[in-house]
Amino acid sequence: MPAISVHPEGWTPAKGYANGMVAEGRVLFVGGQIGWTAQQVFETHDFIGQMTQALQNICDVVQAAGGTPEDIVRLTWYVTDKAEYLRRQREVGEAYRSVMGYHFPAMTMVVVSALVEDEAMVEIEATAVLPQA
């Protein structure tokens, strides 16, 4: 059974995320992914580039476990520059859809003062519910 979005009756529709997700299967917890490559190299120091790479890293982990991006039910974003994120919303949406398509799980965004890797501008962790093996 694919994950199903939950939106309480009478609530304004969520834009770009789900208020909740219902899923059944094997749970995969993906540790925080940052905008470096599989070889731990930052190829960009641009927010959109790092965000795209972090999302791709998440998808790679999910696929390695036998899932697809549509199995992701939750994303938690940690960003170091709220103003940059807000200023580039259109680009954020375009980059997000280039990796995740039109799948919008439950999401949380947290602004932090720094991340462990000094070059990192964003870190994203995920939860996926994979089909039963």
N, C-alpha and C. Protein backbone atom coordinates (compact mmCIF):
# COMPACT_ATOMS: atom_id res chain seq x y z
N MET A 1 0.85 -1.18 0.00
CA MET A 1 0.00 0.00 0.00
C MET A 1 0.89 1.24 0.00
N PRO A 2 0.71 2.13 -0.96
CA PRO A 2 1.52 3.36 -0.97
C PRO A 2 1.12 4.27 0.18
N ALA A 3 2.04 5.15 0.57
CA ALA A 3 1.74 6.12 1.63
C ALA A 3 0.63 7.05 1.18
N ILE A 4 -0.22 7.42 2.11
CA ILE A 4 -1.37 8.28 1.82
C ILE A 4 -1.24 9.56 2.65
N SER A 5 -1.40 10.70 1.99
CA SER A 5 -1.36 11.99 2.69
C SER A 5 -2.59 12.15 3.57
N VAL A 6 -2.41 12.81 4.70
CA VAL A 6 -3.50 13.09 5.63
C VAL A 6 -3.65 14.60 5.78
N HIS A 7 -4.83 15.11 5.48
CA HIS A 7 -5.13 16.54 5.64
C HIS A 7 -6.46 16.65 6.38
N PRO A 8 -6.44 17.12 7.63
CA PRO A 8 -7.69 17.23 8.38
C PRO A 8 -8.73 18.09 7.67
N GLU A 9 -9.97 17.68 7.77
CA GLU A 9 -11.08 18.40 7.16
C GLU A 9 -11.12 19.83 7.69
N GLY A 10 -11.31 20.77 6.78
CA GLY A 10 -11.42 22.17 7.15
C GLY A 10 -10.09 22.91 7.21
N TRP A 11 -8.98 22.19 7.14
CA TRP A 11 -7.66 22.83 7.17
C TRP A 11 -7.34 23.38 5.79
N THR A 12 -6.64 24.50 5.75
CA THR A 12 -6.12 25.01 4.49
C THR A 12 -5.13 23.98 3.95
N PRO A 13 -5.22 23.66 2.66
CA PRO A 13 -4.30 22.65 2.11
C PRO A 13 -2.83 23.04 2.31
N ALA A 14 -2.03 22.04 2.66
CA ALA A 14 -0.59 22.25 2.81
C ALA A 14 0.00 22.48 1.43
N LYS A 15 0.98 23.37 1.35
CA LYS A 15 1.62 23.67 0.07
C LYS A 15 3.06 23.15 0.09
N GLY A 16 3.32 22.12 -0.71
CA GLY A 16 4.66 21.58 -0.80
C GLY A 16 5.01 20.57 0.27
N TYR A 17 4.06 20.13 1.07
CA TYR A 17 4.29 19.11 2.10
C TYR A 17 2.94 18.54 2.51
N ALA A 18 2.96 17.45 3.24
CA ALA A 18 1.75 16.86 3.79
C ALA A 18 1.73 17.11 5.30
N ASN A 19 0.55 17.29 5.86
CA ASN A 19 0.45 17.42 7.32
C ASN A 19 0.71 16.09 8.01
N GLY A 20 0.42 15.02 7.34
CA GLY A 20 0.67 13.69 7.89
C GLY A 20 0.68 12.67 6.77
N MET A 21 1.25 11.50 7.06
CA MET A 21 1.31 10.41 6.09
C MET A 21 0.96 9.11 6.82
N VAL A 22 0.18 8.26 6.16
CA VAL A 22 -0.14 6.93 6.67
C VAL A 22 0.53 5.93 5.74
N ALA A 23 1.28 4.98 6.31
CA ALA A 23 1.98 4.00 5.49
C ALA A 23 2.08 2.69 6.26
N GLU A 24 2.31 1.63 5.51
CA GLU A 24 2.45 0.30 6.08
C GLU A 24 3.62 -0.39 5.41
N GLY A 25 4.54 -0.98 6.20
CA GLY A 25 5.68 -1.68 5.61
C GLY A 25 6.89 -1.64 6.52
N ARG A 26 8.08 -1.77 5.90
CA ARG A 26 9.34 -1.74 6.63
C ARG A 26 9.80 -0.29 6.76
N VAL A 27 10.21 0.13 7.95
CA VAL A 27 10.61 1.51 8.18
C VAL A 27 12.12 1.65 7.99
N LEU A 28 12.50 2.64 7.19
CA LEU A 28 13.90 2.97 6.94
C LEU A 28 14.15 4.38 7.46
N PHE A 29 15.11 4.53 8.34
CA PHE A 29 15.51 5.84 8.85
C PHE A 29 16.80 6.23 8.15
N VAL A 30 16.77 7.34 7.43
CA VAL A 30 17.94 7.80 6.69
C VAL A 30 18.59 8.92 7.50
N GLY A 31 19.83 8.73 7.88
CA GLY A 31 20.57 9.74 8.62
C GLY A 31 20.71 11.02 7.81
N GLY A 32 20.98 12.12 8.48
CA GLY A 32 21.11 13.41 7.83
C GLY A 32 22.09 13.38 6.66
N GLN A 33 21.61 13.82 5.51
CA GLN A 33 22.43 13.88 4.31
C GLN A 33 22.71 15.34 3.98
N ILE A 34 23.94 15.60 3.61
CA ILE A 34 24.34 16.97 3.26
C ILE A 34 24.68 17.00 1.77
N GLY A 35 25.06 18.16 1.29
CA GLY A 35 25.25 18.37 -0.13
C GLY A 35 26.59 17.98 -0.68
N TRP A 36 27.14 16.88 -0.20
CA TRP A 36 28.36 16.38 -0.81
C TRP A 36 28.08 15.09 -1.56
N THR A 37 29.01 14.71 -2.42
CA THR A 37 28.85 13.53 -3.26
C THR A 37 29.08 12.26 -2.44
N ALA A 38 28.93 11.12 -3.10
CA ALA A 38 29.18 9.83 -2.46
C ALA A 38 30.63 9.71 -1.97
N GLN A 39 31.52 10.49 -2.58
CA GLN A 39 32.93 10.49 -2.16
C GLN A 39 33.21 11.57 -1.12
N GLN A 40 32.15 12.17 -0.57
CA GLN A 40 32.23 13.21 0.46
C GLN A 40 32.99 14.44 -0.02
N VAL A 41 32.66 14.86 -1.25
CA VAL A 41 33.25 16.05 -1.86
C VAL A 41 32.12 17.03 -2.15
N PHE A 42 32.28 18.28 -1.72
CA PHE A 42 31.33 19.32 -2.07
C PHE A 42 31.66 19.83 -3.47
N GLU A 43 30.75 19.62 -4.40
CA GLU A 43 30.96 20.12 -5.76
C GLU A 43 30.39 21.51 -5.95
N THR A 44 29.62 21.99 -4.96
CA THR A 44 29.04 23.32 -5.04
C THR A 44 28.97 23.94 -3.65
N HIS A 45 29.03 25.26 -3.62
CA HIS A 45 28.84 26.00 -2.38
C HIS A 45 27.59 26.87 -2.50
N ASP A 46 26.66 26.41 -3.34
CA ASP A 46 25.39 27.07 -3.59
C ASP A 46 24.28 26.31 -2.87
N PHE A 47 23.36 27.03 -2.24
CA PHE A 47 22.29 26.38 -1.48
C PHE A 47 21.49 25.40 -2.33
N ILE A 48 21.07 25.82 -3.51
CA ILE A 48 20.24 24.96 -4.37
C ILE A 48 21.02 23.72 -4.79
N GLY A 49 22.27 23.88 -5.15
CA GLY A 49 23.09 22.74 -5.53
C GLY A 49 23.26 21.75 -4.39
N GLN A 50 23.52 22.26 -3.19
CA GLN A 50 23.69 21.38 -2.03
C GLN A 50 22.37 20.71 -1.64
N MET A 51 21.27 21.45 -1.72
CA MET A 51 19.96 20.88 -1.42
C MET A 51 19.64 19.74 -2.39
N THR A 52 19.89 19.96 -3.67
CA THR A 52 19.63 18.94 -4.68
C THR A 52 20.47 17.70 -4.41
N GLN A 53 21.74 17.89 -4.10
CA GLN A 53 22.62 16.75 -3.82
C GLN A 53 22.17 16.01 -2.57
N ALA A 54 21.78 16.73 -1.52
CA ALA A 54 21.32 16.08 -0.29
C ALA A 54 20.08 15.23 -0.56
N LEU A 55 19.13 15.76 -1.35
CA LEU A 55 17.94 14.98 -1.70
C LEU A 55 18.31 13.76 -2.53
N GLN A 56 19.24 13.93 -3.46
CA GLN A 56 19.68 12.79 -4.27
C GLN A 56 20.34 11.73 -3.40
N ASN A 57 21.13 12.17 -2.41
CA ASN A 57 21.77 11.23 -1.49
C ASN A 57 20.71 10.42 -0.74
N ILE A 58 19.65 11.09 -0.30
CA ILE A 58 18.55 10.40 0.39
C ILE A 58 17.93 9.37 -0.54
N CYS A 59 17.64 9.76 -1.76
CA CYS A 59 17.03 8.83 -2.72
C CYS A 59 17.95 7.65 -2.98
N ASP A 60 19.25 7.88 -3.04
CA ASP A 60 20.20 6.78 -3.24
C ASP A 60 20.13 5.77 -2.10
N VAL A 61 20.04 6.26 -0.85
CA VAL A 61 19.94 5.37 0.31
C VAL A 61 18.62 4.60 0.25
N VAL A 62 17.54 5.30 -0.04
CA VAL A 62 16.22 4.64 -0.12
C VAL A 62 16.24 3.57 -1.22
N GLN A 63 16.80 3.89 -2.36
CA GLN A 63 16.86 2.92 -3.46
C GLN A 63 17.75 1.73 -3.10
N ALA A 64 18.84 1.97 -2.35
CA ALA A 64 19.71 0.88 -1.92
C ALA A 64 18.98 -0.09 -0.99
N ALA A 65 17.96 0.41 -0.30
CA ALA A 65 17.15 -0.43 0.60
C ALA A 65 15.96 -1.06 -0.12
N GLY A 66 15.84 -0.79 -1.43
CA GLY A 66 14.76 -1.39 -2.21
C GLY A 66 13.53 -0.52 -2.38
N GLY A 67 13.65 0.76 -2.08
CA GLY A 67 12.51 1.66 -2.18
C GLY A 67 12.65 2.67 -3.31
N THR A 68 11.68 3.56 -3.35
CA THR A 68 11.65 4.65 -4.33
C THR A 68 11.38 5.95 -3.57
N PRO A 69 11.59 7.10 -4.20
CA PRO A 69 11.30 8.37 -3.52
C PRO A 69 9.87 8.45 -3.00
N GLU A 70 8.93 7.78 -3.66
CA GLU A 70 7.53 7.81 -3.22
C GLU A 70 7.33 7.10 -1.89
N ASP A 71 8.32 6.32 -1.44
CA ASP A 71 8.23 5.64 -0.15
C ASP A 71 8.65 6.54 1.01
N ILE A 72 9.19 7.71 0.71
CA ILE A 72 9.61 8.64 1.76
C ILE A 72 8.36 9.28 2.36
N VAL A 73 8.24 9.18 3.69
CA VAL A 73 7.05 9.71 4.37
C VAL A 73 7.35 10.95 5.22
N ARG A 74 8.63 11.22 5.46
CA ARG A 74 8.99 12.37 6.29
C ARG A 74 10.38 12.87 5.94
N LEU A 75 10.52 14.19 5.86
CA LEU A 75 11.82 14.85 5.69
C LEU A 75 11.96 15.91 6.77
N THR A 76 13.12 15.95 7.39
CA THR A 76 13.44 17.02 8.33
C THR A 76 14.65 17.76 7.78
N TRP A 77 14.46 19.04 7.52
CA TRP A 77 15.49 19.89 6.91
C TRP A 77 16.13 20.75 8.00
N TYR A 78 17.44 20.87 7.94
CA TYR A 78 18.20 21.78 8.80
C TYR A 78 18.93 22.73 7.85
N VAL A 79 18.60 24.01 7.91
CA VAL A 79 19.23 24.99 7.04
C VAL A 79 19.95 26.04 7.87
N THR A 80 21.05 26.53 7.33
CA THR A 80 21.85 27.52 8.05
C THR A 80 21.48 28.96 7.70
N ASP A 81 20.69 29.16 6.65
CA ASP A 81 20.36 30.53 6.21
C ASP A 81 18.89 30.59 5.79
N LYS A 82 18.05 31.00 6.71
CA LYS A 82 16.61 31.09 6.44
C LYS A 82 16.32 32.07 5.31
N ALA A 83 16.99 33.19 5.29
CA ALA A 83 16.75 34.21 4.26
C ALA A 83 17.07 33.66 2.87
N GLU A 84 18.15 32.92 2.75
CA GLU A 84 18.52 32.31 1.46
C GLU A 84 17.42 31.33 1.02
N TYR A 85 16.97 30.49 1.93
CA TYR A 85 15.92 29.53 1.61
C TYR A 85 14.65 30.25 1.14
N LEU A 86 14.23 31.27 1.86
CA LEU A 86 12.99 31.98 1.50
C LEU A 86 13.15 32.76 0.19
N ARG A 87 14.29 33.38 0.00
CA ARG A 87 14.53 34.18 -1.20
C ARG A 87 14.51 33.31 -2.46
N ARG A 88 14.86 32.05 -2.33
CA ARG A 88 15.01 31.18 -3.49
C ARG A 88 13.92 30.11 -3.57
N GLN A 89 12.74 30.41 -3.02
CA GLN A 89 11.65 29.44 -2.97
C GLN A 89 11.31 28.83 -4.32
N ARG A 90 11.25 29.62 -5.37
CA ARG A 90 10.93 29.08 -6.69
C ARG A 90 11.97 28.05 -7.11
N GLU A 91 13.25 28.40 -6.93
CA GLU A 91 14.33 27.48 -7.28
C GLU A 91 14.32 26.24 -6.38
N VAL A 92 13.99 26.43 -5.11
CA VAL A 92 13.88 25.30 -4.19
C VAL A 92 12.84 24.32 -4.71
N GLY A 93 11.68 24.84 -5.10
CA GLY A 93 10.61 23.99 -5.62
C GLY A 93 11.02 23.26 -6.89
N GLU A 94 11.67 23.96 -7.79
CA GLU A 94 12.11 23.35 -9.05
C GLU A 94 13.14 22.25 -8.78
N ALA A 95 14.10 22.53 -7.92
CA ALA A 95 15.14 21.54 -7.60
C ALA A 95 14.54 20.34 -6.87
N TYR A 96 13.63 20.61 -5.94
CA TYR A 96 12.97 19.53 -5.21
C TYR A 96 12.26 18.59 -6.19
N ARG A 97 11.46 19.16 -7.08
CA ARG A 97 10.70 18.34 -8.03
C ARG A 97 11.62 17.59 -9.01
N SER A 98 12.80 18.15 -9.30
CA SER A 98 13.72 17.46 -10.21
C SER A 98 14.22 16.15 -9.60
N VAL A 99 14.25 16.06 -8.29
CA VAL A 99 14.71 14.84 -7.61
C VAL A 99 13.52 14.01 -7.11
N MET A 100 12.56 14.67 -6.47
CA MET A 100 11.48 13.97 -5.78
C MET A 100 10.19 13.87 -6.59
N GLY A 101 10.12 14.56 -7.71
CA GLY A 101 8.88 14.58 -8.48
C GLY A 101 7.82 15.37 -7.71
N TYR A 102 6.58 14.95 -7.86
CA TYR A 102 5.48 15.64 -7.19
C TYR A 102 5.03 14.85 -5.95
N HIS A 103 6.00 14.31 -5.22
CA HIS A 103 5.75 13.57 -3.99
C HIS A 103 6.13 14.49 -2.83
N PHE A 104 5.16 14.80 -1.98
CA PHE A 104 5.38 15.75 -0.89
C PHE A 104 5.04 15.10 0.44
N PRO A 105 6.04 14.52 1.13
CA PRO A 105 5.80 13.89 2.43
C PRO A 105 5.63 14.94 3.54
N ALA A 106 5.41 14.47 4.74
CA ALA A 106 5.41 15.36 5.90
C ALA A 106 6.81 15.95 6.03
N MET A 107 6.89 17.25 6.29
CA MET A 107 8.19 17.90 6.36
C MET A 107 8.26 18.88 7.53
N THR A 108 9.48 19.01 8.04
CA THR A 108 9.79 20.01 9.05
C THR A 108 11.06 20.71 8.62
N MET A 109 11.12 22.03 8.83
CA MET A 109 12.31 22.81 8.52
C MET A 109 12.77 23.49 9.82
N VAL A 110 14.06 23.35 10.10
CA VAL A 110 14.65 23.95 11.29
C VAL A 110 15.82 24.81 10.85
N VAL A 111 15.91 26.01 11.36
CA VAL A 111 17.04 26.89 11.08
C VAL A 111 18.07 26.68 12.19
N VAL A 112 19.31 26.40 11.80
CA VAL A 112 20.38 26.14 12.75
C VAL A 112 21.52 27.12 12.50
N SER A 113 22.34 27.32 13.51
CA SER A 113 23.45 28.27 13.36
C SER A 113 24.59 27.70 12.55
N ALA A 114 24.74 26.38 12.56
CA ALA A 114 25.82 25.74 11.80
C ALA A 114 25.55 24.25 11.74
N LEU A 115 26.25 23.58 10.82
CA LEU A 115 26.22 22.13 10.72
C LEU A 115 27.62 21.61 10.99
N VAL A 116 27.76 20.34 11.27
CA VAL A 116 29.07 19.78 11.65
C VAL A 116 30.10 19.99 10.55
N GLU A 117 29.71 19.76 9.29
CA GLU A 117 30.62 20.01 8.18
C GLU A 117 30.53 21.50 7.84
N ASP A 118 31.63 22.22 7.98
CA ASP A 118 31.62 23.67 7.82
C ASP A 118 31.08 24.15 6.48
N GLU A 119 31.30 23.39 5.41
CA GLU A 119 30.85 23.80 4.08
C GLU A 119 29.36 23.54 3.84
N ALA A 120 28.74 22.73 4.69
CA ALA A 120 27.35 22.35 4.49
C ALA A 120 26.40 23.50 4.79
N MET A 121 25.44 23.70 3.89
CA MET A 121 24.43 24.74 4.04
C MET A 121 23.07 24.15 4.40
N VAL A 122 22.91 22.85 4.17
CA VAL A 122 21.64 22.17 4.44
C VAL A 122 21.94 20.71 4.78
N GLU A 123 21.18 20.18 5.71
CA GLU A 123 21.23 18.75 6.03
C GLU A 123 19.78 18.28 6.10
N ILE A 124 19.50 17.14 5.49
CA ILE A 124 18.13 16.63 5.44
C ILE A 124 18.14 15.18 5.88
N GLU A 125 17.25 14.85 6.82
CA GLU A 125 17.09 13.45 7.21
C GLU A 125 15.71 12.99 6.75
N ALA A 126 15.57 11.68 6.59
CA ALA A 126 14.34 11.15 6.03
C ALA A 126 13.89 9.89 6.75
N THR A 127 12.60 9.64 6.65
CA THR A 127 12.02 8.37 7.05
C THR A 127 11.25 7.86 5.85
N ALA A 128 11.47 6.59 5.53
CA ALA A 128 10.74 5.97 4.42
C ALA A 128 10.07 4.71 4.95
N VAL A 129 8.93 4.38 4.37
CA VAL A 129 8.27 3.12 4.68
C VAL A 129 8.25 2.32 3.39
N LEU A 130 9.04 1.25 3.39
CA LEU A 130 9.23 0.43 2.20
C LEU A 130 8.22 -0.71 2.17
N PRO A 131 7.88 -1.18 0.98
CA PRO A 131 6.98 -2.33 0.91
C PRO A 131 7.58 -3.53 1.62
N GLN A 132 6.72 -4.43 2.08
CA GLN A 132 7.21 -5.65 2.71
C GLN A 132 8.06 -6.42 1.71
N ALA A 133 9.14 -7.01 2.20
CA ALA A 133 10.06 -7.76 1.32
C ALA A 133 9.38 -9.02 0.80
